[in-house]
Amino acid sequence: MIDVTQLRKTYRVHQREPGLKAALRSLLRRPTEEVRAVDGISFHIGDGERVGFLGPNGAGKTTTLKMLAGLLHPSAGTVAVDGFRPQERQRAFLKTITLVMGQKQQLLWDLPPSETFLLNRALYDVPETEFRETLGELTQLLELQSLVSKPTRQLSLGERMKCELAAALLHRPKVLFLDEPTIGLDVAMQAVVRDFIRAYNERFGATVLLTSHDMDDVAALCPRVIVIDHGRLIWDGALEDLVKKVQPHKQIRLRLSRPVDASDLARLGRVVEHTATAVALQVPQSELQAVVAQVLSALPLVDLTVEDPPLEEVMRDLFAGAVPDAGAAPAQGAA
């Protein structure tokens, strides 16, 4: 569904020192610097996949999404989405995709969302019967019944985001580009949006490419992740494999009935958290079974859970270069 080969995007950025003299000099000569926002990335995404597209701020994620959506032209390389060249902006291509950006909105501020829905129906030339059917499904999935006739300015941020998703999906796109769709939402509304994205993907077989700094979004929705840093691809593979490669250990969380000396805990693994009755141990995965057996026999245990390392820590270590050969993972297609 999405094929990207050696994609590049460079910008010429003007530079100027502060002050009046520098301002006058810039009228005659403006020094520039070439910035590589995207630097030769390649990946392929199959029909119906849900893929996380991750990276630190400035890594080139949004620039890549805009090239995939046809809003920017690549400086080099090739892009194909459902067989179309996005930069040509063909009508059939525009009816195939949607781009949802959590910090942008298309809803008309002083009018109810239902007016935006009708406008999008006209823009995408959606037949009346299909429009009513799709709107009914989206209304049910997102629980919009009480929202669509209120002025947009009277809706909460979470309510607006639900209506934004409905407006973006009325033409039943086959490819969803989602850029921070849960930004600014509370925990309950984030869960609603995640459940809806998963339901839409499963019901319509849509391909989803998601960027987010909220690792809960990624863990809930994306079995596969593509990671870029400084415009370059450093990982393309299963999220589970990335976690094992970057941090090949487990965390054992313990709740105790009484305090235990730190020296007794240190013999079991690296202590990453220690209060009077709560302990978190970090142990190699190969030693997990033996350590759990020791914990059960030696400590005043009330509760025990085994967890993967937090995704935030995994990504932090990856971007910090703690795993220099992470990029050696082979790019893969449908996961």
Protein backbone atom coordinates (compact mmCIF):
# COMPACT_ATOMS: atom_id res chain seq x y z
CA MET A 1 0.00 0.00 0.00
CA ILE A 2 2.89 2.41 0.81
CA ASP A 3 6.28 2.16 -0.92
CA VAL A 4 9.08 4.58 -0.03
CA THR A 5 12.52 4.29 -1.64
CA GLN A 6 15.52 6.48 -0.77
CA LEU A 7 13.24 9.39 0.13
CA ARG A 8 14.95 12.73 0.76
CA LYS A 9 13.82 16.23 1.60
CA THR A 10 16.26 19.12 1.96
CA TYR A 11 15.68 22.78 2.74
CA ARG A 12 17.79 25.91 2.28
CA VAL A 13 17.59 27.76 5.59
CA HIS A 14 18.62 31.43 5.76
CA GLN A 15 20.78 32.53 8.66
CA ARG A 16 21.35 36.01 10.09
CA GLU A 17 23.07 37.41 13.16
CA PRO A 18 21.03 39.78 15.35
CA GLY A 19 21.43 43.54 15.01
CA LEU A 20 20.92 46.32 12.48
CA LYS A 21 24.22 45.82 10.61
CA ALA A 22 23.47 42.14 10.08
CA ALA A 23 19.99 43.04 8.86
CA LEU A 24 21.41 45.48 6.30
CA ARG A 25 24.04 42.96 5.13
CA SER A 26 21.32 40.36 4.65
CA LEU A 27 19.71 42.60 2.05
CA LEU A 28 22.73 42.00 -0.19
CA ARG A 29 23.89 38.56 0.90
CA ARG A 30 22.00 35.99 2.93
CA PRO A 31 24.06 33.00 4.10
CA THR A 32 22.19 29.74 3.85
CA GLU A 33 22.56 26.28 5.28
CA GLU A 34 21.27 23.03 3.80
CA VAL A 35 19.12 21.07 6.24
CA ARG A 36 18.30 17.44 5.50
CA ALA A 37 14.90 16.88 7.07
CA VAL A 38 14.63 13.39 5.55
CA ASP A 39 17.81 11.65 4.46
CA GLY A 40 17.32 8.59 2.25
CA ILE A 41 14.76 6.46 4.09
CA SER A 42 13.11 3.38 2.58
CA PHE A 43 10.22 1.26 3.85
CA HIS A 44 7.20 -0.66 2.63
CA ILE A 45 3.83 -0.99 4.38
CA GLY A 46 1.28 -3.62 3.45
CA ASP A 47 -2.47 -3.31 3.06
CA GLY A 48 -4.25 -3.14 6.43
CA GLU A 49 -1.12 -2.73 8.61
CA ARG A 50 -0.98 -0.48 11.66
CA VAL A 51 2.53 0.96 11.87
CA GLY A 52 4.03 3.41 14.34
CA PHE A 53 6.31 6.07 12.85
CA LEU A 54 8.54 7.26 15.67
CA GLY A 55 11.41 9.62 16.30
CA PRO A 56 12.45 12.58 18.47
CA ASN A 57 11.37 16.14 17.71
CA GLY A 58 12.92 17.26 14.44
CA ALA A 59 13.56 13.72 13.22
CA GLY A 60 11.54 14.26 10.00
CA LYS A 61 8.30 12.44 10.87
CA THR A 62 5.82 15.16 9.93
CA THR A 63 7.85 16.07 6.83
CA THR A 64 7.63 12.44 5.70
CA LEU A 65 3.87 12.31 6.33
CA LYS A 66 3.39 15.48 4.31
CA MET A 67 5.33 13.96 1.39
CA LEU A 68 3.23 10.79 1.63
CA ALA A 69 0.10 12.94 1.56
CA GLY A 70 1.36 15.00 -1.39
CA LEU A 71 1.63 18.29 0.52
CA LEU A 72 5.41 18.41 -0.04
CA HIS A 73 7.48 17.30 -3.02
CA PRO A 74 10.48 15.04 -2.32
CA SER A 75 13.94 16.38 -3.13
CA ALA A 76 14.92 12.86 -4.25
CA GLY A 77 13.66 9.30 -4.08
CA THR A 78 10.28 7.81 -4.92
CA VAL A 79 6.97 7.52 -3.07
CA ALA A 80 3.92 5.50 -4.02
CA VAL A 81 0.67 5.23 -2.05
CA ASP A 82 -1.84 2.70 -3.39
CA GLY A 83 -0.07 3.00 -6.75
CA PHE A 84 -0.34 6.81 -6.90
CA ARG A 85 2.45 9.39 -6.88
CA PRO A 86 1.30 11.67 -4.02
CA GLN A 87 2.88 14.85 -5.41
CA GLU A 88 0.58 14.66 -8.44
CA ARG A 89 -2.44 15.13 -6.12
CA GLN A 90 -4.80 13.18 -8.37
CA ARG A 91 -8.44 13.23 -7.35
CA ALA A 92 -8.55 9.45 -6.99
CA PHE A 93 -5.50 9.60 -4.71
CA LEU A 94 -7.02 12.29 -2.48
CA LYS A 95 -10.11 10.10 -2.02
CA THR A 96 -7.84 7.23 -0.95
CA ILE A 97 -6.07 8.97 1.95
CA THR A 98 -6.65 11.21 4.92
CA LEU A 99 -4.20 13.18 7.06
CA VAL A 100 -5.21 13.95 10.65
CA MET A 101 -2.94 16.29 12.62
CA GLY A 102 -3.69 16.65 16.31
CA GLN A 103 -2.68 20.33 16.34
CA LYS A 104 -4.73 21.33 13.29
CA GLN A 105 -8.47 21.39 12.75
CA GLN A 106 -10.80 21.47 9.78
CA LEU A 107 -14.05 21.98 11.70
CA LEU A 108 -15.71 25.36 11.13
CA TRP A 109 -15.38 27.15 14.46
CA ASP A 110 -18.80 28.85 14.71
CA LEU A 111 -20.80 26.10 12.98
CA PRO A 112 -21.74 22.62 14.18
CA PRO A 113 -19.66 19.66 12.96
CA SER A 114 -22.60 18.49 10.85
CA GLU A 115 -21.93 21.44 8.51
CA THR A 116 -18.31 20.34 8.03
CA PHE A 117 -19.54 16.80 7.36
CA LEU A 118 -21.81 18.08 4.57
CA LEU A 119 -18.98 20.20 3.14
CA ASN A 120 -16.64 17.20 3.04
CA ARG A 121 -19.35 15.10 1.42
CA ALA A 122 -19.49 17.66 -1.40
CA LEU A 123 -15.69 17.98 -1.66
CA TYR A 124 -15.19 14.22 -1.96
CA ASP A 125 -18.35 13.69 -4.03
CA VAL A 126 -19.64 11.01 -1.65
CA PRO A 127 -23.00 9.57 -2.76
CA GLU A 128 -25.88 10.42 -0.41
CA THR A 129 -26.58 6.80 0.56
CA GLU A 130 -22.93 6.04 1.29
CA PHE A 131 -22.58 9.31 3.23
CA ARG A 132 -25.53 8.51 5.49
CA GLU A 133 -24.33 4.94 6.05
CA THR A 134 -20.75 5.98 6.87
CA LEU A 135 -21.87 8.86 9.10
CA GLY A 136 -24.14 6.48 10.99
CA GLU A 137 -21.27 4.03 11.57
CA LEU A 138 -18.87 6.77 12.67
CA THR A 139 -21.50 8.32 14.93
CA GLN A 140 -22.01 4.97 16.62
CA LEU A 141 -18.29 4.17 16.95
CA LEU A 142 -17.40 7.62 18.30
CA GLU A 143 -20.64 8.31 20.20
CA LEU A 144 -21.27 11.61 18.39
CA GLN A 145 -25.06 11.70 18.76
CA SER A 146 -25.12 14.69 21.13
CA LEU A 147 -22.20 16.57 19.54
CA VAL A 148 -22.84 17.04 15.83
CA SER A 149 -25.39 19.86 16.22
CA LYS A 150 -23.45 21.96 18.76
CA PRO A 151 -21.22 24.82 17.56
CA THR A 152 -17.63 23.59 17.37
CA ARG A 153 -16.44 26.34 19.74
CA GLN A 154 -18.65 24.88 22.48
CA LEU A 155 -17.08 21.41 22.29
CA SER A 156 -14.27 20.22 24.52
CA LEU A 157 -10.91 19.29 23.01
CA GLY A 158 -11.73 15.59 23.16
CA GLU A 159 -15.16 16.11 21.61
CA ARG A 160 -13.62 18.17 18.81
CA MET A 161 -11.03 15.45 18.12
CA LYS A 162 -13.77 12.82 17.79
CA CYS A 163 -15.61 15.05 15.31
CA GLU A 164 -12.32 15.75 13.47
CA LEU A 165 -11.81 12.00 13.01
CA ALA A 166 -15.35 11.58 11.71
CA ALA A 167 -14.92 14.47 9.24
CA ALA A 168 -11.63 13.01 8.00
CA LEU A 169 -13.07 9.53 7.45
CA LEU A 170 -16.44 10.24 5.82
CA HIS A 171 -15.05 9.33 2.40
CA ARG A 172 -13.81 5.96 3.79
CA PRO A 173 -10.10 6.41 3.04
CA LYS A 174 -7.97 3.31 2.66
CA VAL A 175 -4.87 4.99 4.12
CA LEU A 176 -4.80 6.96 7.39
CA PHE A 177 -1.87 9.26 8.17
CA LEU A 178 -2.26 10.20 11.85
CA ASP A 179 0.06 12.82 13.36
CA GLU A 180 -0.30 13.00 17.17
CA PRO A 181 -4.06 12.25 17.16
CA THR A 182 -4.29 12.10 20.98
CA ILE A 183 -2.19 15.16 21.83
CA GLY A 184 -3.71 17.18 24.67
CA LEU A 185 -6.45 14.65 25.42
CA ASP A 186 -7.14 13.23 28.86
CA VAL A 187 -6.55 9.55 29.60
CA ALA A 188 -10.17 8.50 29.06
CA MET A 189 -10.46 10.30 25.71
CA GLN A 190 -7.11 8.91 24.55
CA ALA A 191 -8.50 5.41 25.11
CA VAL A 192 -11.62 6.27 23.11
CA VAL A 193 -9.56 7.53 20.16
CA ARG A 194 -7.27 4.47 20.23
CA ASP A 195 -10.22 2.07 20.33
CA PHE A 196 -11.80 3.89 17.40
CA ILE A 197 -8.65 3.79 15.26
CA ARG A 198 -8.31 0.05 15.89
CA ALA A 199 -12.01 -0.53 15.13
CA TYR A 200 -11.82 1.47 11.87
CA ASN A 201 -8.71 -0.45 10.81
CA GLU A 202 -10.35 -3.81 11.49
CA ARG A 203 -13.74 -2.93 9.99
CA PHE A 204 -12.51 -1.34 6.75
CA GLY A 205 -9.05 -2.93 6.39
CA ALA A 206 -7.46 0.53 6.31
CA THR A 207 -3.71 1.03 6.48
CA VAL A 208 -2.64 3.21 9.43
CA LEU A 209 0.64 5.12 9.77
CA LEU A 210 0.74 6.75 13.21
CA THR A 211 3.18 9.26 14.69
CA SER A 212 2.98 9.93 18.41
CA HIS A 213 5.17 10.85 21.35
CA ASP A 214 2.72 9.02 23.62
CA MET A 215 4.09 5.50 23.84
CA ASP A 216 0.73 4.24 25.10
CA ASP A 217 -0.67 5.03 21.62
CA VAL A 218 2.09 3.00 20.02
CA ALA A 219 1.84 0.04 22.40
CA ALA A 220 -1.95 -0.12 21.99
CA LEU A 221 -2.09 0.18 18.20
CA CYS A 222 1.17 -0.69 16.44
CA PRO A 223 2.67 -4.20 16.27
CA ARG A 224 5.34 -2.78 13.95
CA VAL A 225 7.32 0.45 14.28
CA ILE A 226 9.53 2.45 11.95
CA VAL A 227 11.98 4.70 13.80
CA ILE A 228 13.90 7.60 12.28
CA ASP A 229 16.44 9.97 13.81
CA HIS A 230 18.03 12.98 12.12
CA GLY A 231 16.13 12.03 8.98
CA ARG A 232 17.57 8.50 8.80
CA LEU A 233 15.90 5.17 9.39
CA ILE A 234 17.32 3.35 12.42
CA TRP A 235 14.71 0.62 12.96
CA ASP A 236 11.99 -1.11 10.97
CA GLY A 237 10.48 -4.16 12.62
CA ALA A 238 8.30 -5.54 15.37
CA LEU A 239 7.89 -3.37 18.44
CA GLU A 240 8.48 -6.43 20.64
CA ASP A 241 11.81 -7.12 18.93
CA LEU A 242 12.90 -3.50 19.39
CA VAL A 243 12.20 -3.67 23.13
CA LYS A 244 14.20 -6.90 23.46
CA LYS A 245 17.13 -5.51 21.47
CA VAL A 246 17.40 -2.17 23.27
CA GLN A 247 16.66 -3.37 26.79
CA PRO A 248 17.03 -7.19 26.98
CA HIS A 249 15.68 -7.48 30.49
CA LYS A 250 12.44 -7.57 32.45
CA GLN A 251 11.19 -5.54 35.37
CA ILE A 252 9.83 -7.41 38.40
CA ARG A 253 7.56 -5.26 40.54
CA LEU A 254 7.01 -6.46 44.11
CA ARG A 255 4.65 -5.42 46.86
CA LEU A 256 5.91 -6.56 50.26
CA SER A 257 4.23 -6.99 53.64
CA ARG A 258 7.22 -5.44 55.46
CA PRO A 259 10.42 -3.56 54.59
CA VAL A 260 13.45 -5.50 53.27
CA ASP A 261 17.09 -4.39 53.32
CA ALA A 262 18.48 -3.07 50.05
CA SER A 263 21.41 -5.50 50.29
CA ASP A 264 19.03 -8.48 50.23
CA LEU A 265 17.32 -7.08 47.12
CA ALA A 266 20.57 -6.28 45.30
CA ARG A 267 21.47 -9.96 45.25
CA LEU A 268 18.39 -10.62 43.12
CA GLY A 269 18.89 -7.94 40.46
CA ARG A 270 19.41 -4.23 39.87
CA VAL A 271 17.13 -2.23 42.16
CA VAL A 272 15.45 0.55 40.16
CA GLU A 273 12.83 1.45 42.77
CA HIS A 274 12.75 0.84 46.52
CA THR A 275 10.30 2.13 49.10
CA ALA A 276 9.18 0.56 52.37
CA THR A 277 6.90 -2.01 50.72
CA ALA A 278 7.32 -1.45 46.97
CA VAL A 279 10.28 -2.68 44.94
CA ALA A 280 11.17 -2.79 41.24
CA LEU A 281 14.00 -5.06 40.10
CA GLN A 282 15.64 -5.16 36.68
CA VAL A 283 16.87 -8.64 35.69
CA PRO A 284 18.16 -10.21 32.47
CA GLN A 285 15.46 -12.15 30.67
CA SER A 286 17.57 -15.32 30.81
CA GLU A 287 17.58 -15.14 34.63
CA LEU A 288 13.92 -14.28 35.06
CA GLN A 289 12.66 -17.71 36.10
CA ALA A 290 15.41 -18.22 38.69
CA VAL A 291 14.95 -14.75 40.21
CA VAL A 292 11.17 -15.15 40.47
CA ALA A 293 11.71 -18.47 42.29
CA GLN A 294 14.07 -16.78 44.75
CA VAL A 295 11.64 -13.91 45.32
CA LEU A 296 8.78 -16.31 46.04
CA SER A 297 10.84 -18.27 48.57
CA ALA A 298 12.84 -15.52 50.29
CA LEU A 299 10.74 -12.33 50.47
CA PRO A 300 7.53 -11.43 52.38
CA LEU A 301 5.59 -11.13 49.14
CA VAL A 302 2.07 -9.71 48.76
CA ASP A 303 2.02 -9.24 44.98
CA LEU A 304 4.36 -9.75 42.01
CA THR A 305 4.16 -8.61 38.39
CA VAL A 306 6.61 -9.03 35.50
CA GLU A 307 6.73 -6.24 32.93
CA ASP A 308 8.63 -5.15 29.87
CA PRO A 309 10.73 -1.99 30.35
CA PRO A 310 8.70 1.21 29.79
CA LEU A 311 8.67 2.16 26.12
CA GLU A 312 9.75 5.66 27.03
CA GLU A 313 12.99 4.23 28.43
CA VAL A 314 13.49 2.03 25.37
CA MET A 315 13.16 4.99 23.00
CA ARG A 316 15.37 7.18 25.18
CA ASP A 317 18.17 4.61 25.09
CA LEU A 318 17.73 4.07 21.35
CA PHE A 319 18.02 7.79 20.55
CA ALA A 320 20.92 8.17 22.97
CA GLY A 321 22.88 5.62 20.94
CA ALA A 322 22.90 3.03 23.71
CA VAL A 323 22.33 0.36 21.05
CA PRO A 324 24.69 1.25 18.20
CA ASP A 325 23.69 -1.69 15.99
CA ALA A 326 19.92 -1.17 16.32
CA GLY A 327 19.73 -0.04 12.73
CA ALA A 328 21.00 -3.43 11.63
CA ALA A 329 17.50 -4.86 11.88
CA PRO A 330 16.34 -5.69 8.35
CA ALA A 331 13.47 -3.65 7.00
CA GLN A 332 10.37 -5.75 6.70
CA GLY A 333 7.12 -5.62 4.83
CA ALA A 334 3.81 -6.70 6.22
CA ALA A 335 4.28 -7.66 9.85
